[in-house]
Structures are given as C-alpha cells and as structure tokens.
Amino acid sequence: MHEQFMAIMAPSSEKLLTGLVAATFTPLTEEGEINIKEIGPYVDYLTERQGVTNIFVNGTTGESMSLTVAERKVLAEEWCKKAKGKMDHVVVHVGCMSLKDSQDLALHAAQIEAGSIAVISPSFFKPKNVHALRSYLKAVASAAPNLPFYYYHIPSITGVNVLVRDLLDGIEEHIPSFRGVKFSSIDLMDFGLCFSLMKPNWSLLYGVDEQMLSGLVLGADGAVGSTYNYVGCQFNKLLSAFEKGELVKARTIQFKLQDFLGSAMKLGFDVGVNKQLMVEVSGLSLGPPRLPLMPCHPDVAASIKQKYESIFPQC
C-alpha cells in the first residue's frame, strides 16, 4: 500500500534520543484556528531561553485529539521546517482513534522528514491485551517503516493498562523500527522492569515531570514533558547534577517542581492552565485551548505565575 513512498522516506537516525524533550503546546488564534506563524518564535524560545533542543509535537499537551488530521499535518510540517538546523530532534505524535488516520499521519511524517514518530493507544475502542496493542502499533509503524518509532504510554488518559514490559518483549521482531517508549505513568516498577528488555538503540523516556529524578535513577535516557517548555533550563541543571552524582542538588530542583505543581493542581492545573502559564512566562501568543478544554481564568493564571516566579529564578 505504501511502497510508492518508500523512496522519499527519511532514513532512520540511529542517534539515541536523550535529554529533555519539550511536549509542545499548539499555537491557536483567539478564534481557535491554528497559528503557525508562532512556531518559529516558539522554537527560538526553547533553544535560546530554555536550552531545549528536542520536541514532541501534536501530543497530549498539543491537544492532538482536538485537531483535524489536516491541521496536524500543517503543524507537523511547520515544526519540522522551523526546527531544522536549530533542534536535534522532532518527534511527531501520529496517534489517533482511527488506524487509517494514524497511518496517514505516519506516512506524512516520513515525507516531511520528521526525526521520529510516536503513537498513543486508541482510547475509545481499546486494545484489550498486549497482542492487540502490539498489532495496532505494528500496523501504524508499517506506514513509515524507515522512521524511528516510539510507543507513547499514558494509561491515565487512555485507560489502556497493558504493562510496557510485556509489550517490549520481542517487539523488535514485529516492529523493526521500534526505538523506545515515552513512559508517562507513575508505575515505576513497570518502568524499571523494562530495562531488562532494552536494546542498545532504544531510548526509554520518562514522562512524569514531577517524578523525573526517579526515572533517571532507574535508568531513563531522558524525559518528555510539558513543563520543560518553561522550566527546561532548570531541569537541564537537574540532569547535569544527576550525571555528576550531585543528588542533593538534583533533588532540590525536583522538589521545587513538586512544590510548584502541587500548588497549581489545587487551582485546577490542566492543559488550558498550563498553556496560559507558558504564555505568561514566554510572551508567546499561543491562544486559548480548543473546546472542550476551557481557557484559564485570569486570576488563576496570575496566582500560578506568582508561585512560579517565587520558586524558579531566570536562568
């Protein structure tokens, strides 16, 4: 079905995906339309102000399930275009409720030379077991067989509780392009048990920002998260401290994020609030979230920003 496109697909990069990966917000206008002119300044902000050179686009933070396939293609292409020469890696999330839509987006990601693709499990009709989930992922990966492929595990959103360690067992035989997992779950036992199945060219990326240090201790190669959009510079310091064995310093930074998020969660911290905080901190024009997510109330935004500024000094 996809053979005609094989010649134009980007070759697989074997460079491991490591370090911080910012899960980007999707810029929208006040009227709720995608606003691609803000993507260039967004890339510059991440690289120049936060020191973040990897991005995960059209994911949960990017409101992917509220976007059309056509919008996601436009956004993915613009992110790849603006990141070229400035960033190390662009992961394009292509998961949808429809297998055909996911395959369409995977093929498109190959055509625009994305660095890799990631896929979340469908969450309306859910795979009931590891075989069903692996079969679905294999079908999506087959649409772009030369692109590095990541499974995006976030059971709190999908309700799919297949253990990742079970999924990884022999997965390279089904998906030769498999390169790792975005593990957005607090089940550290499952995460830890994944490492006995690791291959040299895989990356396990931890996706719970407030527990990133725990993921690193277990062996995470990096971390994907929304807060790295505006505290990336601080968490690069955490990574550096961890690598040097300075655990007290690393814990101090982790505790600061926990303090901040704990306060924000009491005020209803969701994608809409998180997006508005990014607007307040970065000065970018990202617009409101798309319904059914609601815009952040100005008083809530002001309170959370005040807490943020009291905890995190500028880098």
Protein backbone atom coordinates (compact mmCIF):
# COMPACT_ATOMS: atom_id res chain seq x y z
CA MET A 1 0.00 0.00 0.00
CA HIS A 2 2.80 2.42 0.88
CA GLU A 3 5.61 1.11 -1.34
CA GLN A 4 5.32 4.06 -3.72
CA PHE A 5 6.51 6.36 -0.99
CA MET A 6 9.49 4.36 0.22
CA ALA A 7 11.99 6.25 -1.89
CA ILE A 8 11.15 9.59 -0.30
CA MET A 9 11.09 8.46 3.29
CA ALA A 10 13.76 9.85 5.56
CA PRO A 11 16.41 7.35 6.60
CA SER A 12 16.29 6.20 10.19
CA SER A 13 18.65 8.07 12.50
CA GLU A 14 20.42 5.81 14.98
CA LYS A 15 21.41 8.64 17.31
CA LEU A 16 19.81 7.95 20.67
CA LEU A 17 17.12 10.38 21.78
CA THR A 18 18.29 11.64 25.17
CA GLY A 19 17.95 14.63 27.47
CA LEU A 20 14.94 16.91 27.74
CA VAL A 21 12.15 16.78 25.19
CA ALA A 22 9.54 19.55 25.40
CA ALA A 23 5.97 18.43 24.68
CA THR A 24 4.86 21.50 22.78
CA PHE A 25 1.61 23.43 23.02
CA THR A 26 -0.28 24.08 19.79
CA PRO A 27 -0.49 27.80 18.96
CA LEU A 28 -4.06 28.84 18.22
CA THR A 29 -5.63 32.18 17.39
CA GLU A 30 -8.25 33.71 19.69
CA GLU A 31 -10.80 32.31 17.25
CA GLY A 32 -9.44 28.79 17.74
CA GLU A 33 -7.62 28.33 14.42
CA ILE A 34 -4.05 27.01 14.22
CA ASN A 35 -1.48 29.80 14.27
CA ILE A 36 1.67 28.51 12.57
CA LYS A 37 3.41 31.90 12.48
CA GLU A 38 4.13 31.50 16.19
CA ILE A 39 6.06 28.24 15.72
CA GLY A 40 9.29 29.90 14.60
CA PRO A 41 9.49 32.16 17.69
CA TYR A 42 8.49 29.17 19.83
CA VAL A 43 11.46 27.13 18.55
CA ASP A 44 13.78 30.06 19.20
CA TYR A 45 12.43 30.46 22.73
CA LEU A 46 13.05 26.82 23.57
CA THR A 47 16.56 26.71 22.16
CA GLU A 48 17.76 30.15 23.27
CA ARG A 49 15.97 30.64 26.61
CA GLN A 50 15.44 27.10 27.87
CA GLY A 51 18.28 25.18 26.26
CA VAL A 52 15.85 22.54 24.99
CA THR A 53 16.67 21.10 21.56
CA ASN A 54 14.20 18.21 21.29
CA ILE A 55 10.44 18.49 20.86
CA PHE A 56 7.44 16.17 20.92
CA VAL A 57 4.70 17.76 18.81
CA ASN A 58 0.98 17.12 18.40
CA GLY A 59 0.79 15.13 21.62
CA THR A 60 -1.44 15.48 24.68
CA THR A 61 -0.05 18.91 25.55
CA GLY A 62 -0.54 19.86 21.89
CA GLU A 63 -4.25 18.92 22.05
CA SER A 64 -3.82 16.43 19.22
CA MET A 65 -7.15 14.71 19.69
CA SER A 66 -8.93 18.06 19.31
CA LEU A 67 -7.22 18.73 15.96
CA THR A 68 -8.13 17.51 12.49
CA VAL A 69 -5.75 15.32 10.52
CA ALA A 70 -5.25 18.20 8.08
CA GLU A 71 -4.35 20.59 10.92
CA ARG A 72 -1.92 18.10 12.40
CA LYS A 73 -0.15 17.76 9.05
CA VAL A 74 0.22 21.53 8.70
CA LEU A 75 1.55 21.81 12.24
CA ALA A 76 3.97 18.88 11.92
CA GLU A 77 5.38 20.27 8.71
CA GLU A 78 5.88 23.72 10.20
CA TRP A 79 7.52 22.36 13.36
CA CYS A 80 9.94 20.29 11.26
CA LYS A 81 10.66 23.21 8.95
CA LYS A 82 11.34 25.72 11.72
CA ALA A 83 13.32 23.26 13.84
CA LYS A 84 15.68 22.30 11.00
CA GLY A 85 19.20 23.42 11.81
CA LYS A 86 18.17 24.61 15.27
CA MET A 87 16.99 21.48 17.06
CA ASP A 88 18.35 17.98 17.39
CA HIS A 89 15.14 16.01 17.13
CA VAL A 90 11.44 16.41 16.30
CA VAL A 91 9.16 13.60 17.41
CA VAL A 92 5.79 13.80 15.65
CA HIS A 93 2.97 12.12 17.50
CA VAL A 94 0.64 10.43 14.99
CA GLY A 95 -1.75 8.51 17.24
CA CYS A 96 -5.48 8.78 16.50
CA MET A 97 -8.66 6.90 17.27
CA SER A 98 -8.63 5.65 13.66
CA LEU A 99 -5.90 3.33 12.42
CA LYS A 100 -6.17 4.82 8.92
CA ASP A 101 -5.69 8.34 10.24
CA SER A 102 -2.66 7.24 12.25
CA GLN A 103 -1.15 5.57 9.19
CA ASP A 104 -1.85 8.67 7.11
CA LEU A 105 -0.06 10.88 9.65
CA ALA A 106 2.84 8.43 9.93
CA LEU A 107 3.34 8.45 6.17
CA HIS A 108 3.17 12.25 6.15
CA ALA A 109 5.77 12.44 8.95
CA ALA A 110 8.13 10.42 6.78
CA GLN A 111 7.52 12.70 3.81
CA ILE A 112 8.38 15.84 5.82
CA GLU A 113 11.47 14.13 7.27
CA ALA A 114 10.45 14.13 10.91
CA GLY A 115 13.05 12.71 13.27
CA SER A 116 10.71 10.00 14.51
CA ILE A 117 7.07 9.20 15.21
CA ALA A 118 5.23 8.26 18.39
CA VAL A 119 1.88 6.58 18.81
CA ILE A 120 -0.57 6.56 21.69
CA SER A 121 -3.04 3.73 22.09
CA PRO A 122 -6.59 4.31 20.85
CA SER A 123 -8.81 5.01 23.85
CA PHE A 124 -12.41 4.70 22.58
CA PHE A 125 -12.19 1.14 21.31
CA LYS A 126 -9.28 0.00 23.44
CA PRO A 127 -6.87 -2.87 22.78
CA LYS A 128 -7.76 -5.49 25.39
CA ASN A 129 -4.37 -7.14 25.69
CA VAL A 130 -0.73 -6.89 24.69
CA HIS A 131 -1.30 -8.76 21.43
CA ALA A 132 -3.97 -6.29 20.30
CA LEU A 133 -1.86 -3.29 21.25
CA ARG A 134 1.25 -4.65 19.54
CA SER A 135 -0.75 -5.43 16.41
CA TYR A 136 -2.09 -1.88 16.29
CA LEU A 137 1.35 -0.34 16.74
CA LYS A 138 2.79 -2.63 14.07
CA ALA A 139 0.10 -1.52 11.61
CA VAL A 140 0.89 2.15 12.20
CA ALA A 141 4.66 1.66 12.03
CA SER A 142 4.30 -0.17 8.71
CA ALA A 143 3.15 3.08 7.09
CA ALA A 144 6.58 4.64 7.76
CA PRO A 145 8.97 1.70 8.25
CA ASN A 146 12.14 3.78 7.99
CA LEU A 147 11.20 6.23 10.75
CA PRO A 148 12.22 5.51 14.35
CA PHE A 149 9.05 4.51 16.20
CA TYR A 150 8.11 5.20 19.84
CA TYR A 151 5.20 3.91 21.86
CA TYR A 152 3.51 6.64 23.92
CA HIS A 153 2.31 5.06 27.17
CA ILE A 154 -0.12 7.20 29.18
CA PRO A 155 -2.69 4.95 30.87
CA SER A 156 -4.18 7.77 32.96
CA ILE A 157 -5.52 9.24 29.71
CA THR A 158 -6.11 6.18 27.54
CA GLY A 159 -7.29 3.73 30.18
CA VAL A 160 -5.05 1.13 28.49
CA ASN A 161 -3.11 -0.59 31.26
CA VAL A 162 -1.09 -3.09 29.25
CA LEU A 163 2.26 -3.38 31.01
CA VAL A 164 5.04 -1.90 28.92
CA ARG A 165 7.46 -4.65 29.90
CA ASP A 166 5.06 -7.14 28.32
CA LEU A 167 4.77 -5.04 25.18
CA LEU A 168 8.55 -4.77 24.78
CA ASP A 169 9.17 -8.50 24.92
CA GLY A 170 10.11 -9.39 21.33
CA ILE A 171 8.64 -6.20 19.87
CA GLU A 172 11.62 -5.64 17.55
CA GLU A 173 10.58 -8.77 15.66
CA HIS A 174 7.22 -7.15 14.90
CA ILE A 175 8.37 -3.53 14.54
CA PRO A 176 12.00 -3.35 13.30
CA SER A 177 11.88 0.46 13.51
CA PHE A 178 10.99 0.39 17.21
CA ARG A 179 13.22 2.75 19.18
CA GLY A 180 11.65 3.19 22.59
CA VAL A 181 8.91 4.45 24.84
CA LYS A 182 7.54 7.71 26.18
CA PHE A 183 6.57 6.32 29.56
CA SER A 184 4.00 8.67 31.14
CA SER A 185 2.93 6.54 34.08
CA ILE A 186 3.75 6.57 37.77
CA ASP A 187 4.22 2.77 37.77
CA LEU A 188 7.95 2.77 38.43
CA MET A 189 8.03 -0.99 38.85
CA ASP A 190 6.83 -1.49 35.27
CA PHE A 191 9.29 1.18 34.13
CA GLY A 192 12.19 -0.46 35.94
CA LEU A 193 11.42 -3.91 34.59
CA CYS A 194 11.59 -2.55 31.03
CA PHE A 195 15.36 -2.19 31.28
CA SER A 196 16.00 -5.93 31.23
CA LEU A 197 14.49 -5.92 27.72
CA MET A 198 16.34 -2.87 26.41
CA LYS A 199 18.26 -2.88 23.14
CA PRO A 200 21.32 -0.66 22.53
CA ASN A 201 19.45 1.54 20.04
CA TRP A 202 16.37 2.14 22.20
CA SER A 203 15.57 5.11 24.45
CA LEU A 204 13.29 4.98 27.46
CA LEU A 205 11.98 8.48 28.12
CA TYR A 206 10.20 9.23 31.37
CA GLY A 207 7.06 11.35 31.04
CA VAL A 208 6.00 12.34 34.57
CA ASP A 209 7.72 15.68 35.11
CA GLU A 210 7.23 15.82 38.87
CA GLN A 211 8.99 12.44 39.22
CA MET A 212 11.72 12.84 36.61
CA LEU A 213 14.56 12.22 39.04
CA SER A 214 13.04 8.85 39.99
CA GLY A 215 13.02 7.91 36.32
CA LEU A 216 16.66 8.90 35.96
CA VAL A 217 17.67 6.80 38.96
CA LEU A 218 16.07 3.76 37.33
CA GLY A 219 17.91 4.43 34.07
CA ALA A 220 15.81 6.77 31.92
CA ASP A 221 17.66 8.11 28.89
CA GLY A 222 15.74 11.38 29.03
CA ALA A 223 12.38 12.92 29.77
CA VAL A 224 9.41 14.24 27.80
CA GLY A 225 7.13 16.78 29.42
CA SER A 226 5.10 19.94 29.15
CA THR A 227 6.82 21.83 31.96
CA TYR A 228 10.15 21.66 30.12
CA ASN A 229 8.69 24.37 27.88
CA TYR A 230 9.21 26.89 30.66
CA VAL A 231 11.45 25.21 33.27
CA GLY A 232 13.71 23.43 30.81
CA CYS A 233 16.72 25.45 31.84
CA GLN A 234 16.23 24.40 35.45
CA PHE A 235 15.83 20.75 34.56
CA ASN A 236 18.92 20.80 32.41
CA LYS A 237 20.65 21.73 35.67
CA LEU A 238 18.99 18.73 37.32
CA LEU A 239 20.24 16.44 34.55
CA SER A 240 23.74 17.85 34.88
CA ALA A 241 23.71 17.45 38.65
CA PHE A 242 22.49 13.86 38.36
CA GLU A 243 25.19 12.98 35.85
CA LYS A 244 27.81 14.40 38.22
CA GLY A 245 26.42 12.45 41.17
CA GLU A 246 25.22 15.62 42.91
CA LEU A 247 21.98 14.10 44.15
CA VAL A 248 21.23 16.72 46.79
CA LYS A 249 21.30 19.44 44.13
CA ALA A 250 19.21 17.32 41.78
CA ARG A 251 16.63 16.59 44.49
CA THR A 252 16.39 20.27 45.36
CA ILE A 253 15.38 21.14 41.79
CA GLN A 254 12.92 18.22 41.65
CA PHE A 255 11.33 19.28 44.94
CA LYS A 256 10.86 22.79 43.56
CA LEU A 257 8.81 21.49 40.64
CA GLN A 258 6.79 19.32 43.01
CA ASP A 259 6.12 22.34 45.20
CA PHE A 260 5.03 24.38 42.18
CA LEU A 261 2.82 21.69 40.62
CA GLY A 262 1.29 20.80 43.98
CA SER A 263 0.14 24.39 44.37
CA ALA A 264 -1.03 24.61 40.75
CA MET A 265 -3.04 21.39 40.99
CA LYS A 266 -5.04 22.83 43.88
CA LEU A 267 -6.16 25.55 41.45
CA GLY A 268 -7.15 23.12 38.69
CA PHE A 269 -3.95 22.64 36.70
CA ASP A 270 -4.89 21.24 33.28
CA VAL A 271 -3.76 21.75 29.67
CA GLY A 272 -5.60 25.08 29.45
CA VAL A 273 -3.98 26.43 32.61
CA ASN A 274 -0.60 25.01 31.63
CA LYS A 275 -0.83 26.65 28.22
CA GLN A 276 -1.67 30.02 29.74
CA LEU A 277 1.29 29.74 32.09
CA MET A 278 3.52 29.18 29.05
CA VAL A 279 2.05 32.34 27.52
CA GLU A 280 2.74 34.32 30.69
CA VAL A 281 6.31 33.06 31.08
CA SER A 282 7.41 33.07 27.43
CA GLY A 283 5.47 36.00 25.99
CA LEU A 284 4.44 33.82 23.04
CA SER A 285 0.95 34.18 21.59
CA LEU A 286 -0.42 30.66 21.92
CA GLY A 287 -4.10 31.45 22.27
CA PRO A 288 -6.69 29.55 24.30
CA PRO A 289 -7.16 25.78 24.28
CA ARG A 290 -9.78 24.30 21.99
CA LEU A 291 -13.11 23.19 23.42
CA PRO A 292 -13.99 21.18 25.41
CA LEU A 293 -10.94 22.48 27.31
CA MET A 294 -11.68 25.85 28.88
CA PRO A 295 -9.46 28.94 28.94
CA CYS A 296 -7.61 29.70 32.13
CA HIS A 297 -9.26 32.32 34.35
CA PRO A 298 -7.01 35.42 34.65
CA ASP A 299 -6.96 35.22 38.46
CA VAL A 300 -5.79 31.61 38.34
CA ALA A 301 -3.10 32.45 35.80
CA ALA A 302 -1.85 35.34 37.93
CA SER A 303 -1.71 33.18 41.06
CA ILE A 304 0.17 30.35 39.36
CA LYS A 305 2.60 32.72 37.68
CA GLN A 306 3.34 34.36 41.04
CA LYS A 307 4.12 30.96 42.52
CA TYR A 308 6.28 30.09 39.52
CA GLU A 309 8.32 33.30 39.82
CA SER A 310 8.82 32.76 43.56
CA ILE A 311 10.30 29.31 43.00
CA PHE A 312 12.17 29.46 39.70
CA PRO A 313 14.75 32.18 39.09
CA GLN A 314 15.51 33.02 35.50
CA CYS A 315 18.37 31.03 34.01
